[in-house]
Amino acid sequence: MADLVENRRLILICVAGTVVGLVGTALAPSAATFMIASSVAGVCSVGAQIIVPFAATMAKDEQRGSVIGNVMGGLIAGIMLARPAANFIASAFGWRAVFGTSAVLAVAIFAVLWLWLPRRVPVSDLRYGGILKSTFAMLRDHPALRRRALYQSVLFGVFSLFWTAAPFVLTQRFGFDQREIALFALAGAGGALSAPIAGRLADRGFTRAGTAGAMLTATVAFLIAGWAGVAGAIVLLALAAIALDAAAQANQIISQRIIYNLDPQARGRIKAVYMTCLFIAAAGGSLLAGATYAGGSWIATALTGAGLSMAVLAAFATEHRRTRSTRVSI
């Protein structure tokens, strides 16, 4: 809908829906009500994803990577900090307080966006049905989108694999409780610092080096994490977590810098199909984490992550260089 509806209004509607869903979740008297309200909050939370192509459209061409990096840095930091924050709030005040606090923060976000977000009216001669139909055609029409969706799907999948299995090894190998796991999760927020840096590197044309570096870093991070889990080296495990998160986020910024240059009038649809691939991969990574950990413990999980990271690096190596004059490298 971001390619059809005035973006400011669409984002505000999504944030308002998120507030309603969060309040309903916090006050839910039954499991059924909880599921309905949390589903509303989940659906409306896509407002955050609409902001990214919105920002890319408002940015100058030579600054687009930097702008995307700044916005995504905030988004990633929020995601990573939300996990330990939720643990602390729940342990101190109960689970309802988590959703109540989130609702208050969402109201504050709504007020800020209402005051400062500019209007953006997309240019399109399609109706919603045509917009929806053309969304997945983007994968067919843009090889760069297919490549970038593949690369980041694998890295996002192994990111999910790591953070799904990490609480198991922290509990069983290191004896961590809920609060200690929450503190460890703060390490993940450190990876968000790579987002602005990656955006600036992408603006300077270092997309290939940045992509290869992210994939190689993810591979090494999993190998270190596997050894650290067995050896009981918690500091090394935390450093591996930071490196993995930085790799996933750096490639995310580089990829979005590239795909948003493919078709300026279809950035909403491009983001939609791209993120759909990523979230499917993330769900697959979580399933794979449970299967590998149950079947072979932490080492099996770490080797799976390293293997997938190396495989996508091999896939990236098959990519042909494109001329600089196109200003779009994949």
C-alpha atoms as a PDB file:
ATOM      1  CA  MET A   1       0.000   0.000   0.000  1.00  0.00           C
ATOM      2  CA  ALA A   2       3.003   2.318   0.370  1.00  0.00           C
ATOM      3  CA  ASP A   3       3.057   2.610  -3.444  1.00  0.00           C
ATOM      4  CA  LEU A   4      -0.610   3.652  -3.504  1.00  0.00           C
ATOM      5  CA  VAL A   5      -1.611   5.476  -0.305  1.00  0.00           C
ATOM      6  CA  GLU A   6      -0.198   8.736   1.054  1.00  0.00           C
ATOM      7  CA  ASN A   7       2.657   7.443   3.226  1.00  0.00           C
ATOM      8  CA  ARG A   8       2.333   9.672   6.276  1.00  0.00           C
ATOM      9  CA  ARG A   9      -1.316   8.751   6.766  1.00  0.00           C
ATOM     10  CA  LEU A  10      -0.592   5.055   6.192  1.00  0.00           C
ATOM     11  CA  ILE A  11       2.215   5.019   8.777  1.00  0.00           C
ATOM     12  CA  LEU A  12       0.073   6.839  11.359  1.00  0.00           C
ATOM     13  CA  ILE A  13      -2.798   4.396  10.836  1.00  0.00           C
ATOM     14  CA  CYS A  14      -0.410   1.488  11.366  1.00  0.00           C
ATOM     15  CA  VAL A  15       1.014   2.992  14.559  1.00  0.00           C
ATOM     16  CA  ALA A  16      -2.487   3.693  15.878  1.00  0.00           C
ATOM     17  CA  GLY A  17      -3.447   0.089  15.148  1.00  0.00           C
ATOM     18  CA  THR A  18      -0.356  -1.073  16.996  1.00  0.00           C
ATOM     19  CA  VAL A  19      -1.423   0.929  20.055  1.00  0.00           C
ATOM     20  CA  VAL A  20      -4.893  -0.649  19.968  1.00  0.00           C
ATOM     21  CA  GLY A  21      -3.389  -4.136  19.652  1.00  0.00           C
ATOM     22  CA  LEU A  22      -0.930  -3.594  22.496  1.00  0.00           C
ATOM     23  CA  VAL A  23      -3.575  -2.220  24.850  1.00  0.00           C
ATOM     24  CA  GLY A  24      -5.832  -5.154  24.007  1.00  0.00           C
ATOM     25  CA  THR A  25      -2.984  -7.588  24.673  1.00  0.00           C
ATOM     26  CA  ALA A  26      -2.127  -5.989  28.014  1.00  0.00           C
ATOM     27  CA  LEU A  27      -5.760  -6.168  29.158  1.00  0.00           C
ATOM     28  CA  ALA A  28      -6.613  -9.541  27.566  1.00  0.00           C
ATOM     29  CA  PRO A  29      -8.880 -11.611  29.867  1.00  0.00           C
ATOM     30  CA  SER A  30      -8.393 -14.858  27.915  1.00  0.00           C
ATOM     31  CA  ALA A  31      -5.986 -16.641  25.592  1.00  0.00           C
ATOM     32  CA  ALA A  32      -8.288 -16.077  22.605  1.00  0.00           C
ATOM     33  CA  THR A  33      -8.436 -12.330  23.247  1.00  0.00           C
ATOM     34  CA  PHE A  34      -4.675 -12.280  23.718  1.00  0.00           C
ATOM     35  CA  MET A  35      -4.112 -13.961  20.333  1.00  0.00           C
ATOM     36  CA  ILE A  36      -6.497 -11.618  18.501  1.00  0.00           C
ATOM     37  CA  ALA A  37      -5.037  -8.466  20.057  1.00  0.00           C
ATOM     38  CA  SER A  38      -1.430  -9.544  19.554  1.00  0.00           C
ATOM     39  CA  SER A  39      -2.227 -10.384  15.919  1.00  0.00           C
ATOM     40  CA  VAL A  40      -3.558  -6.842  15.428  1.00  0.00           C
ATOM     41  CA  ALA A  41      -0.357  -5.438  16.941  1.00  0.00           C
ATOM     42  CA  GLY A  42       1.749  -7.717  14.757  1.00  0.00           C
ATOM     43  CA  VAL A  43      -0.020  -6.801  11.509  1.00  0.00           C
ATOM     44  CA  CYS A  44       0.093  -3.071  12.257  1.00  0.00           C
ATOM     45  CA  SER A  45       3.764  -3.171  13.257  1.00  0.00           C
ATOM     46  CA  VAL A  46       4.632  -3.105   9.542  1.00  0.00           C
ATOM     47  CA  GLY A  47       4.459   0.659   9.872  1.00  0.00           C
ATOM     48  CA  ALA A  48       8.129   0.452  10.814  1.00  0.00           C
ATOM     49  CA  GLN A  49       8.893  -1.256   7.511  1.00  0.00           C
ATOM     50  CA  ILE A  50       7.015   1.442   5.560  1.00  0.00           C
ATOM     51  CA  ILE A  51       9.251   4.109   7.089  1.00  0.00           C
ATOM     52  CA  VAL A  52      12.414   2.644   5.534  1.00  0.00           C
ATOM     53  CA  PRO A  53      11.448   3.001   1.825  1.00  0.00           C
ATOM     54  CA  PHE A  54       9.780   6.313   2.768  1.00  0.00           C
ATOM     55  CA  ALA A  55      13.130   7.575   4.064  1.00  0.00           C
ATOM     56  CA  ALA A  56      14.942   6.168   1.017  1.00  0.00           C
ATOM     57  CA  THR A  57      12.596   8.109  -1.264  1.00  0.00           C
ATOM     58  CA  MET A  58      13.122  11.366   0.620  1.00  0.00           C
ATOM     59  CA  ALA A  59      16.932  10.997   0.611  1.00  0.00           C
ATOM     60  CA  LYS A  60      19.286  12.287  -2.066  1.00  0.00           C
ATOM     61  CA  ASP A  61      20.815   9.616  -4.311  1.00  0.00           C
ATOM     62  CA  GLU A  62      24.334  10.114  -2.983  1.00  0.00           C
ATOM     63  CA  GLN A  63      23.120   9.901   0.636  1.00  0.00           C
ATOM     64  CA  ARG A  64      20.581   7.086   0.343  1.00  0.00           C
ATOM     65  CA  GLY A  65      22.793   4.409   1.896  1.00  0.00           C
ATOM     66  CA  SER A  66      23.639   6.659   4.828  1.00  0.00           C
ATOM     67  CA  VAL A  67      19.986   7.522   5.447  1.00  0.00           C
ATOM     68  CA  ILE A  68      18.889   3.878   5.243  1.00  0.00           C
ATOM     69  CA  GLY A  69      21.729   2.948   7.595  1.00  0.00           C
ATOM     70  CA  ASN A  70      20.653   5.533  10.158  1.00  0.00           C
ATOM     71  CA  VAL A  71      16.997   4.494  10.072  1.00  0.00           C
ATOM     72  CA  MET A  72      17.785   0.777  10.114  1.00  0.00           C
ATOM     73  CA  GLY A  73      20.314   1.300  12.895  1.00  0.00           C
ATOM     74  CA  GLY A  74      17.533   2.633  15.079  1.00  0.00           C
ATOM     75  CA  LEU A  75      15.149  -0.118  14.018  1.00  0.00           C
ATOM     76  CA  ILE A  76      17.690  -2.877  14.680  1.00  0.00           C
ATOM     77  CA  ALA A  77      18.748  -1.408  18.020  1.00  0.00           C
ATOM     78  CA  GLY A  78      15.107  -1.276  19.060  1.00  0.00           C
ATOM     79  CA  ILE A  79      14.541  -4.908  18.115  1.00  0.00           C
ATOM     80  CA  MET A  80      17.612  -6.124  19.967  1.00  0.00           C
ATOM     81  CA  LEU A  81      17.078  -3.963  23.065  1.00  0.00           C
ATOM     82  CA  ALA A  82      13.412  -4.973  23.246  1.00  0.00           C
ATOM     83  CA  ARG A  83      14.318  -8.568  24.118  1.00  0.00           C
ATOM     84  CA  PRO A  84      16.269  -7.874  27.318  1.00  0.00           C
ATOM     85  CA  ALA A  85      13.937  -4.991  28.225  1.00  0.00           C
ATOM     86  CA  ALA A  86      10.929  -7.314  27.984  1.00  0.00           C
ATOM     87  CA  ASN A  87      12.658  -9.870  30.191  1.00  0.00           C
ATOM     88  CA  PHE A  88      13.469  -7.294  32.872  1.00  0.00           C
ATOM     89  CA  ILE A  89       9.997  -5.738  32.853  1.00  0.00           C
ATOM     90  CA  ALA A  90       8.267  -9.117  32.932  1.00  0.00           C
ATOM     91  CA  SER A  91      10.401 -10.407  35.790  1.00  0.00           C
ATOM     92  CA  ALA A  92       9.788  -7.245  37.843  1.00  0.00           C
ATOM     93  CA  PHE A  93       6.169  -6.350  37.050  1.00  0.00           C
ATOM     94  CA  GLY A  94       4.647  -9.261  35.125  1.00  0.00           C
ATOM     95  CA  TRP A  95       4.015  -9.931  31.447  1.00  0.00           C
ATOM     96  CA  ARG A  96       1.126  -7.463  31.103  1.00  0.00           C
ATOM     97  CA  ALA A  97       3.481  -4.611  31.964  1.00  0.00           C
ATOM     98  CA  VAL A  98       5.551  -5.434  28.865  1.00  0.00           C
ATOM     99  CA  PHE A  99       2.623  -4.709  26.551  1.00  0.00           C
ATOM    100  CA  GLY A 100       1.427  -1.746  28.599  1.00  0.00           C
ATOM    101  CA  THR A 101       4.858  -0.135  28.421  1.00  0.00           C
ATOM    102  CA  SER A 102       5.011  -0.825  24.695  1.00  0.00           C
ATOM    103  CA  ALA A 103       1.616   0.838  24.210  1.00  0.00           C
ATOM    104  CA  VAL A 104       2.795   3.995  25.996  1.00  0.00           C
ATOM    105  CA  LEU A 105       5.928   4.117  23.842  1.00  0.00           C
ATOM    106  CA  ALA A 106       3.848   3.602  20.686  1.00  0.00           C
ATOM    107  CA  VAL A 107       1.628   6.558  21.650  1.00  0.00           C
ATOM    108  CA  ALA A 108       4.759   8.700  22.024  1.00  0.00           C
ATOM    109  CA  ILE A 109       5.991   7.537  18.606  1.00  0.00           C
ATOM    110  CA  PHE A 110       2.603   8.407  17.090  1.00  0.00           C
ATOM    111  CA  ALA A 111       2.873  11.942  18.495  1.00  0.00           C
ATOM    112  CA  VAL A 112       6.394  12.429  17.132  1.00  0.00           C
ATOM    113  CA  LEU A 113       5.441  11.180  13.670  1.00  0.00           C
ATOM    114  CA  TRP A 114       2.272  13.300  13.668  1.00  0.00           C
ATOM    115  CA  LEU A 115       4.322  16.427  14.330  1.00  0.00           C
ATOM    116  CA  TRP A 116       7.349  15.884  12.110  1.00  0.00           C
ATOM    117  CA  LEU A 117       6.714  13.300   9.405  1.00  0.00           C
ATOM    118  CA  PRO A 118       6.234  14.979   5.988  1.00  0.00           C
ATOM    119  CA  ARG A 119       3.617  13.963   3.471  1.00  0.00           C
ATOM    120  CA  ARG A 120       4.496  11.759   0.525  1.00  0.00           C
ATOM    121  CA  VAL A 121       1.956  10.969  -2.176  1.00  0.00           C
ATOM    122  CA  PRO A 122       3.101   8.045  -4.389  1.00  0.00           C
ATOM    123  CA  VAL A 123       2.707   8.276  -8.161  1.00  0.00           C
ATOM    124  CA  SER A 124       0.835   5.279  -9.573  1.00  0.00           C
ATOM    125  CA  ASP A 125      -1.919   4.581 -12.088  1.00  0.00           C
ATOM    126  CA  LEU A 126      -2.682   1.151 -10.569  1.00  0.00           C
ATOM    127  CA  ARG A 127      -5.407   0.164  -8.150  1.00  0.00           C
ATOM    128  CA  TYR A 128      -4.711  -1.949  -5.090  1.00  0.00           C
ATOM    129  CA  GLY A 129      -5.381  -5.221  -6.936  1.00  0.00           C
ATOM    130  CA  GLY A 130      -2.907  -4.291  -9.634  1.00  0.00           C
ATOM    131  CA  ILE A 131      -0.350  -3.166  -7.052  1.00  0.00           C
ATOM    132  CA  LEU A 132      -0.693  -6.465  -5.201  1.00  0.00           C
ATOM    133  CA  LYS A 133      -0.482  -8.511  -8.410  1.00  0.00           C
ATOM    134  CA  SER A 134       2.668  -6.745  -9.518  1.00  0.00           C
ATOM    135  CA  THR A 135       4.461  -7.194  -6.186  1.00  0.00           C
ATOM    136  CA  PHE A 136       5.905 -10.653  -6.747  1.00  0.00           C
ATOM    137  CA  ALA A 137       6.553  -9.802 -10.382  1.00  0.00           C
ATOM    138  CA  MET A 138       9.346  -7.665  -8.968  1.00  0.00           C
ATOM    139  CA  LEU A 139      11.331 -10.832  -8.290  1.00  0.00           C
ATOM    140  CA  ARG A 140      10.905 -11.863 -11.901  1.00  0.00           C
ATOM    141  CA  ASP A 141      11.808  -8.494 -13.349  1.00  0.00           C
ATOM    142  CA  HIS A 142      14.801  -7.592 -11.182  1.00  0.00           C
ATOM    143  CA  PRO A 143      17.715 -10.049 -10.929  1.00  0.00           C
ATOM    144  CA  ALA A 144      19.328  -7.789  -8.340  1.00  0.00           C
ATOM    145  CA  LEU A 145      16.290  -8.192  -6.087  1.00  0.00           C
ATOM    146  CA  ARG A 146      16.420 -11.984  -6.423  1.00  0.00           C
ATOM    147  CA  ARG A 147      20.096 -12.032  -5.537  1.00  0.00           C
ATOM    148  CA  ARG A 148      19.787  -9.673  -2.617  1.00  0.00           C
ATOM    149  CA  ALA A 149      16.719 -11.452  -1.256  1.00  0.00           C
ATOM    150  CA  LEU A 150      18.676 -14.722  -1.367  1.00  0.00           C
ATOM    151  CA  TYR A 151      21.766 -13.306   0.326  1.00  0.00           C
ATOM    152  CA  GLN A 152      19.953 -11.589   3.143  1.00  0.00           C
ATOM    153  CA  SER A 153      17.449 -14.417   3.612  1.00  0.00           C
ATOM    154  CA  VAL A 154      20.313 -16.773   4.416  1.00  0.00           C
ATOM    155  CA  LEU A 155      22.027 -14.302   6.744  1.00  0.00           C
ATOM    156  CA  PHE A 156      18.761 -13.402   8.452  1.00  0.00           C
ATOM    157  CA  GLY A 157      17.947 -17.100   8.720  1.00  0.00           C
ATOM    158  CA  VAL A 158      21.237 -17.920  10.474  1.00  0.00           C
ATOM    159  CA  PHE A 159      20.788 -14.833  12.659  1.00  0.00           C
ATOM    160  CA  SER A 160      17.455 -16.284  13.788  1.00  0.00           C
ATOM    161  CA  LEU A 161      19.046 -19.726  14.162  1.00  0.00           C
ATOM    162  CA  PHE A 162      21.682 -18.320  16.536  1.00  0.00           C
ATOM    163  CA  TRP A 163      19.319 -16.331  18.740  1.00  0.00           C
ATOM    164  CA  THR A 164      16.786 -19.174  18.935  1.00  0.00           C
ATOM    165  CA  ALA A 165      19.408 -21.675  20.100  1.00  0.00           C
ATOM    166  CA  ALA A 166      21.536 -19.307  22.213  1.00  0.00           C
ATOM    167  CA  PRO A 167      19.193 -19.369  25.267  1.00  0.00           C
ATOM    168  CA  PHE A 168      19.459 -23.176  25.293  1.00  0.00           C
ATOM    169  CA  VAL A 169      23.240 -23.200  25.513  1.00  0.00           C
ATOM    170  CA  LEU A 170      23.283 -20.271  27.949  1.00  0.00           C
ATOM    171  CA  THR A 171      20.923 -22.157  30.262  1.00  0.00           C
ATOM    172  CA  GLN A 172      22.378 -25.647  29.951  1.00  0.00           C
ATOM    173  CA  ARG A 173      26.099 -24.915  29.529  1.00  0.00           C
ATOM    174  CA  PHE A 174      26.506 -21.687  31.501  1.00  0.00           C
ATOM    175  CA  GLY A 175      23.621 -21.994  33.983  1.00  0.00           C
ATOM    176  CA  PHE A 176      22.139 -18.592  33.117  1.00  0.00           C
ATOM    177  CA  ASP A 177      18.748 -17.547  34.448  1.00  0.00           C
ATOM    178  CA  GLN A 178      16.235 -15.312  32.637  1.00  0.00           C
ATOM    179  CA  ARG A 179      17.855 -12.038  33.659  1.00  0.00           C
ATOM    180  CA  GLU A 180      21.346 -13.200  32.738  1.00  0.00           C
ATOM    181  CA  ILE A 181      20.099 -14.307  29.321  1.00  0.00           C
ATOM    182  CA  ALA A 182      18.572 -10.845  28.936  1.00  0.00           C
ATOM    183  CA  LEU A 183      21.930  -9.245  29.726  1.00  0.00           C
ATOM    184  CA  PHE A 184      23.646 -11.468  27.163  1.00  0.00           C
ATOM    185  CA  ALA A 185      21.077 -10.413  24.571  1.00  0.00           C
ATOM    186  CA  LEU A 186      22.292  -6.837  25.013  1.00  0.00           C
ATOM    187  CA  ALA A 187      25.369  -7.964  23.082  1.00  0.00           C
ATOM    188  CA  GLY A 188      23.170  -8.254  20.028  1.00  0.00           C
ATOM    189  CA  ALA A 189      22.388  -4.543  20.163  1.00  0.00           C
ATOM    190  CA  GLY A 190      26.065  -3.849  19.530  1.00  0.00           C
ATOM    191  CA  GLY A 191      25.619  -5.138  15.992  1.00  0.00           C
ATOM    192  CA  ALA A 192      23.316  -2.216  15.242  1.00  0.00           C
ATOM    193  CA  LEU A 193      26.362   0.061  15.268  1.00  0.00           C
ATOM    194  CA  SER A 194      27.410  -1.461  11.945  1.00  0.00           C
ATOM    195  CA  ALA A 195      24.297  -0.177  10.147  1.00  0.00           C
ATOM    196  CA  PRO A 196      25.297   3.497   9.693  1.00  0.00           C
ATOM    197  CA  ILE A 197      28.848   2.445   8.775  1.00  0.00           C
ATOM    198  CA  ALA A 198      27.571  -0.011   6.172  1.00  0.00           C
ATOM    199  CA  GLY A 199      25.306   2.666   4.701  1.00  0.00           C
ATOM    200  CA  ARG A 200      28.197   5.052   4.205  1.00  0.00           C
ATOM    201  CA  LEU A 201      30.355   2.326   2.654  1.00  0.00           C
ATOM    202  CA  ALA A 202      27.524   1.473   0.247  1.00  0.00           C
ATOM    203  CA  ASP A 203      27.266   5.138  -0.785  1.00  0.00           C
ATOM    204  CA  ARG A 204      30.977   5.016  -1.631  1.00  0.00           C
ATOM    205  CA  GLY A 205      30.595   1.947  -3.840  1.00  0.00           C
ATOM    206  CA  PHE A 206      31.965  -0.764  -1.544  1.00  0.00           C
ATOM    207  CA  THR A 207      28.950  -3.027  -1.982  1.00  0.00           C
ATOM    208  CA  ARG A 208      30.805  -6.125  -3.174  1.00  0.00           C
ATOM    209  CA  ALA A 209      33.522  -5.939  -0.535  1.00  0.00           C
ATOM    210  CA  GLY A 210      30.935  -5.227   2.154  1.00  0.00           C
ATOM    211  CA  THR A 211      28.758  -8.160   1.109  1.00  0.00           C
ATOM    212  CA  ALA A 212      31.637 -10.628   0.982  1.00  0.00           C
ATOM    213  CA  GLY A 213      32.973  -9.324   4.296  1.00  0.00           C
ATOM    214  CA  ALA A 214      29.568  -9.773   5.960  1.00  0.00           C
ATOM    215  CA  MET A 215      29.237 -13.362   4.768  1.00  0.00           C
ATOM    216  CA  LEU A 216      32.782 -14.266   5.788  1.00  0.00           C
ATOM    217  CA  THR A 217      32.298 -12.611   9.188  1.00  0.00           C
ATOM    218  CA  ALA A 218      29.122 -14.624   9.788  1.00  0.00           C
ATOM    219  CA  THR A 219      30.961 -17.852   8.947  1.00  0.00           C
ATOM    220  CA  VAL A 220      33.841 -17.113  11.329  1.00  0.00           C
ATOM    221  CA  ALA A 221      31.446 -15.920  14.042  1.00  0.00           C
ATOM    222  CA  PHE A 222      29.606 -19.249  14.031  1.00  0.00           C
ATOM    223  CA  LEU A 223      32.852 -21.217  14.212  1.00  0.00           C
ATOM    224  CA  ILE A 224      33.996 -19.147  17.187  1.00  0.00           C
ATOM    225  CA  ALA A 225      30.565 -19.434  18.820  1.00  0.00           C
ATOM    226  CA  GLY A 226      30.609 -23.210  18.456  1.00  0.00           C
ATOM    227  CA  TRP A 227      33.992 -23.517  20.136  1.00  0.00           C
ATOM    228  CA  ALA A 228      33.101 -20.958  22.834  1.00  0.00           C
ATOM    229  CA  GLY A 229      29.949 -22.866  23.763  1.00  0.00           C
ATOM    230  CA  VAL A 230      31.873 -26.102  24.247  1.00  0.00           C
ATOM    231  CA  ALA A 231      34.825 -24.460  26.032  1.00  0.00           C
ATOM    232  CA  GLY A 232      32.642 -22.365  28.313  1.00  0.00           C
ATOM    233  CA  ALA A 233      34.126 -19.091  27.034  1.00  0.00           C
ATOM    234  CA  ILE A 234      31.249 -16.686  27.560  1.00  0.00           C
ATOM    235  CA  VAL A 235      33.204 -13.585  26.476  1.00  0.00           C
ATOM    236  CA  LEU A 236      34.090 -15.174  23.139  1.00  0.00           C
ATOM    237  CA  LEU A 237      30.470 -16.255  22.688  1.00  0.00           C
ATOM    238  CA  ALA A 238      29.327 -12.671  23.277  1.00  0.00           C
ATOM    239  CA  LEU A 239      31.904 -11.336  20.800  1.00  0.00           C
ATOM    240  CA  ALA A 240      30.745 -13.889  18.229  1.00  0.00           C
ATOM    241  CA  ALA A 241      27.157 -12.728  18.771  1.00  0.00           C
ATOM    242  CA  ILE A 242      28.151  -9.109  18.170  1.00  0.00           C
ATOM    243  CA  ALA A 243      30.079 -10.053  15.018  1.00  0.00           C
ATOM    244  CA  LEU A 244      27.194 -12.130  13.646  1.00  0.00           C
ATOM    245  CA  ASP A 245      24.675  -9.359  14.263  1.00  0.00           C
ATOM    246  CA  ALA A 246      26.968  -6.781  12.691  1.00  0.00           C
ATOM    247  CA  ALA A 247      27.389  -8.980   9.607  1.00  0.00           C
ATOM    248  CA  ALA A 248      23.644  -9.535   9.189  1.00  0.00           C
ATOM    249  CA  GLN A 249      22.837  -5.861   9.630  1.00  0.00           C
ATOM    250  CA  ALA A 250      25.631  -4.621   7.365  1.00  0.00           C
ATOM    251  CA  ASN A 251      24.445  -6.821   4.512  1.00  0.00           C
ATOM    252  CA  GLN A 252      20.882  -5.712   5.189  1.00  0.00           C
ATOM    253  CA  ILE A 253      21.797  -2.053   4.704  1.00  0.00           C
ATOM    254  CA  ILE A 254      23.877  -2.727   1.596  1.00  0.00           C
ATOM    255  CA  SER A 255      21.077  -4.811   0.092  1.00  0.00           C
ATOM    256  CA  GLN A 256      18.438  -2.167   0.735  1.00  0.00           C
ATOM    257  CA  ARG A 257      20.668   0.529  -0.701  1.00  0.00           C
ATOM    258  CA  ILE A 258      20.752  -1.535  -3.897  1.00  0.00           C
ATOM    259  CA  ILE A 259      17.126  -2.638  -4.215  1.00  0.00           C
ATOM    260  CA  TYR A 260      15.698   0.833  -3.595  1.00  0.00           C
ATOM    261  CA  ASN A 261      17.538   2.075  -6.672  1.00  0.00           C
ATOM    262  CA  LEU A 262      15.855  -0.485  -8.929  1.00  0.00           C
ATOM    263  CA  ASP A 263      12.466   1.242  -9.318  1.00  0.00           C
ATOM    264  CA  PRO A 264      11.807   4.460  -7.340  1.00  0.00           C
ATOM    265  CA  GLN A 265       8.042   4.206  -7.928  1.00  0.00           C
ATOM    266  CA  ALA A 266       7.822   0.634  -6.603  1.00  0.00           C
ATOM    267  CA  ARG A 267       9.879   0.816  -3.431  1.00  0.00           C
ATOM    268  CA  GLY A 268       6.975  -0.281  -1.263  1.00  0.00           C
ATOM    269  CA  ARG A 269       6.408  -3.408  -3.339  1.00  0.00           C
ATOM    270  CA  ILE A 270      10.118  -4.140  -3.543  1.00  0.00           C
ATOM    271  CA  LYS A 271      10.393  -3.882   0.249  1.00  0.00           C
ATOM    272  CA  ALA A 272       7.296  -6.060   0.660  1.00  0.00           C
ATOM    273  CA  VAL A 273       8.579  -8.982  -1.397  1.00  0.00           C
ATOM    274  CA  TYR A 274      12.090  -8.620   0.005  1.00  0.00           C
ATOM    275  CA  MET A 275      10.946  -8.684   3.626  1.00  0.00           C
ATOM    276  CA  THR A 276       8.529 -11.551   2.945  1.00  0.00           C
ATOM    277  CA  CYS A 277      11.490 -13.659   1.839  1.00  0.00           C
ATOM    278  CA  LEU A 278      13.452 -12.616   4.922  1.00  0.00           C
ATOM    279  CA  PHE A 279      10.729 -13.422   7.427  1.00  0.00           C
ATOM    280  CA  ILE A 280      10.109 -16.834   5.876  1.00  0.00           C
ATOM    281  CA  ALA A 281      13.846 -17.493   6.183  1.00  0.00           C
ATOM    282  CA  ALA A 282      13.839 -16.300   9.804  1.00  0.00           C
ATOM    283  CA  ALA A 283      11.041 -18.713  10.654  1.00  0.00           C
ATOM    284  CA  GLY A 284      12.990 -21.482   8.922  1.00  0.00           C
ATOM    285  CA  GLY A 285      16.089 -20.567  10.911  1.00  0.00           C
ATOM    286  CA  SER A 286      14.181 -20.888  14.179  1.00  0.00           C
ATOM    287  CA  LEU A 287      12.871 -24.314  13.182  1.00  0.00           C
ATOM    288  CA  LEU A 288      16.358 -25.389  12.147  1.00  0.00           C
ATOM    289  CA  ALA A 289      17.767 -24.212  15.468  1.00  0.00           C
ATOM    290  CA  GLY A 290      15.458 -26.488  17.426  1.00  0.00           C
ATOM    291  CA  ALA A 291      16.134 -29.446  15.151  1.00  0.00           C
ATOM    292  CA  THR A 292      19.937 -29.114  15.158  1.00  0.00           C
ATOM    293  CA  TYR A 293      20.205 -28.425  18.874  1.00  0.00           C
ATOM    294  CA  ALA A 294      17.993 -31.366  19.775  1.00  0.00           C
ATOM    295  CA  GLY A 295      19.786 -33.642  17.318  1.00  0.00           C
ATOM    296  CA  GLY A 296      23.404 -32.693  17.926  1.00  0.00           C
ATOM    297  CA  SER A 297      23.611 -29.930  20.567  1.00  0.00           C
ATOM    298  CA  TRP A 298      25.199 -26.499  20.166  1.00  0.00           C
ATOM    299  CA  ILE A 299      28.057 -27.651  17.933  1.00  0.00           C
ATOM    300  CA  ALA A 300      25.603 -28.945  15.333  1.00  0.00           C
ATOM    301  CA  THR A 301      23.753 -25.626  15.401  1.00  0.00           C
ATOM    302  CA  ALA A 302      26.959 -23.614  15.049  1.00  0.00           C
ATOM    303  CA  LEU A 303      28.265 -25.764  12.189  1.00  0.00           C
ATOM    304  CA  THR A 304      24.918 -25.447  10.414  1.00  0.00           C
ATOM    305  CA  GLY A 305      25.111 -21.672  10.672  1.00  0.00           C
ATOM    306  CA  ALA A 306      28.699 -21.638   9.440  1.00  0.00           C
ATOM    307  CA  GLY A 307      27.851 -23.966   6.562  1.00  0.00           C
ATOM    308  CA  LEU A 308      24.907 -21.861   5.391  1.00  0.00           C
ATOM    309  CA  SER A 309      26.983 -18.681   5.633  1.00  0.00           C
ATOM    310  CA  MET A 310      29.751 -20.266   3.573  1.00  0.00           C
ATOM    311  CA  ALA A 311      27.208 -21.554   1.038  1.00  0.00           C
ATOM    312  CA  VAL A 312      25.749 -18.101   0.449  1.00  0.00           C
ATOM    313  CA  LEU A 313      29.288 -16.720   0.108  1.00  0.00           C
ATOM    314  CA  ALA A 314      29.867 -19.313  -2.622  1.00  0.00           C
ATOM    315  CA  ALA A 315      26.618 -18.217  -4.298  1.00  0.00           C
ATOM    316  CA  PHE A 316      27.759 -14.607  -4.136  1.00  0.00           C
ATOM    317  CA  ALA A 317      31.054 -15.603  -5.799  1.00  0.00           C
ATOM    318  CA  THR A 318      29.096 -16.657  -8.904  1.00  0.00           C
ATOM    319  CA  GLU A 319      27.822 -13.144  -9.392  1.00  0.00           C
ATOM    320  CA  HIS A 320      29.285 -11.228 -12.316  1.00  0.00           C
ATOM    321  CA  ARG A 321      30.625  -7.730 -11.871  1.00  0.00           C
ATOM    322  CA  ARG A 322      28.515  -5.013 -13.373  1.00  0.00           C
ATOM    323  CA  THR A 323      29.802  -1.806 -14.851  1.00  0.00           C
ATOM    324  CA  ARG A 324      30.058   1.152 -12.533  1.00  0.00           C
ATOM    325  CA  SER A 325      28.062   3.254 -14.952  1.00  0.00           C
ATOM    326  CA  THR A 326      24.864   1.436 -13.968  1.00  0.00           C
ATOM    327  CA  ARG A 327      25.301   2.657 -10.348  1.00  0.00           C
ATOM    328  CA  VAL A 328      23.510  -0.511  -9.245  1.00  0.00           C
ATOM    329  CA  SER A 329      25.676  -3.474  -8.260  1.00  0.00           C
ATOM    330  CA  ILE A 330      24.080  -6.611  -6.877  1.00  0.00           C
END
